[in-house]
Amino acid sequence: MSKQSELHNTSANWNVETRMVHSGTMRSPFGETSEALYLTQGFVYETSEAAEARFSGDDEGYIYSRYANPTVTMFEQRMCALEGAEAALATTSGMAAVTSAMLCQLQAGDHVVAAHALFGSCRYVIETLLPRFGISYTFVDGKDLGAWKAAMRPETSVLFLESPTNPTLEVVDIAAVAALAKENNARLVVDNVFATPIWQKPLELGADVVVYSATKHIDGQGRCLGGVVLSTQDWIDEYLFDFYRHTGPGISPFNAWVLLKGLETLPLRVGQQSKNAKQIADAIAGQNDITRLIYPGREDHPQADIVKKQMGAGSTMVAFEFEGGKQQAFAFQNALEIIKISNNLGDAKSLITHPATTTHKNLTDENREMLGISEGLVRLSVGLENADDLIDDILMAIETVNR
């Protein structure tokens, strides 16, 4: 299938909670309540002529699950309903989504401008993988629109950013960068994982492509890997579909089914997690040993004006820094009882990590310093536990460290 399946129309009047339960559902003749899980590699045809018509594109049915699958299509359609996109393709992981979105539209001689503040694997794609194919890049301070403008070249074809950033929660003005991309006939790709599609809509802000690690909030319960790329139907057809079909980053039907179940509760989970995160940020603000606190929902966030302009609420993430560096950060994490140490995020369980020694350990010392990833910084992904219990856990751990 070269295009998204034609499913029943989603009512434009439905709110997001309703769309996340019903959008994209295709029922078999059995009339099942839950979405069907089609664990199949291939599909059969009634006649040789039918197979020929399918492969020629005259028949829009399914051919092979590496290209498209009914369960995967339902997940893609539901993500389109959430994001406000025309089309989507689901991938095995978030990094498969990022890599596919970049490589499918780039060629030797092209130039990419990207924000410095990126997840470590995203930086690998930009600064290590792309140059192997003759694609150059320039990193810029994502907060500085002038830096974006200065980096543009005639051969610049793609701009890339994440906002809020991992792990320091910087916020980039997506609309301003999108306008710059359009002025220069380039396309903007946005990694929207930390904001989630509940709180931020990059396509509405002018981005051309948005990518997610569905492993994070979309699953939200630590069960499986997944990713998704969303854009216009024309962009998917022109750039991504053949790349996706021939290089094989497609998600398994089982993982797509799990992610469909995650989408049913996504608005509820992200809403409560964000409320918990705000309460935690407010509760620990001003603690003597915490030298820096970053939360996009607070007035003291460095880009609070942009947060108000482009995000519906804060994040499920909080970052804070201990004066005592790695030793104090480690002691704090080890003293926690409810919050677990893990490099994942967006889970129903609260998770904490030390980026300098985990997710961003492969960066040079200079790059970590430039990005504000100090030895004392920890990144907290707030879950669905009672906020008072989480606050008590954090304050208890701080007190234990100070004894």
Foldseek 3Di string as FASTA:
>chain_A
DLFQDDDDDDDPPDDLLVLLLDWLADDDPVRDNAHDQDQDFADDDPDPVRVVCCVVVVDVDTGGVLQPDSLQSSLFRSVCVLQVFATKAKFQFLLLQLLLVPVLPDAAPAEEEEELQAFPSSVCCQPPVVVVRNYYYDYDHQQDLVRVVVPDDLRYAEYEYEALGPPQRDGHLLLSSLVVCVVNNHAYEYEDAFQPSVWFRSVVSRHAKYKYFCCAQLLQANDHTMMMMGGYSVCCSPGRSVVSSPVRRHHRSVVSSSSSVSSSCSVVWFVLLLVLQVVLLVLCPPPPFWPDKAKQQDPPHPPVVSCVVGTNHIGSKIKIFGPVFQVLQVQLQVQFDQEDDDPGASHQGKYKYQCCVPRPVPDDPVSCVVVVSTRGMMMIRGHNDPSVVVNVRNVVSNVVSVD
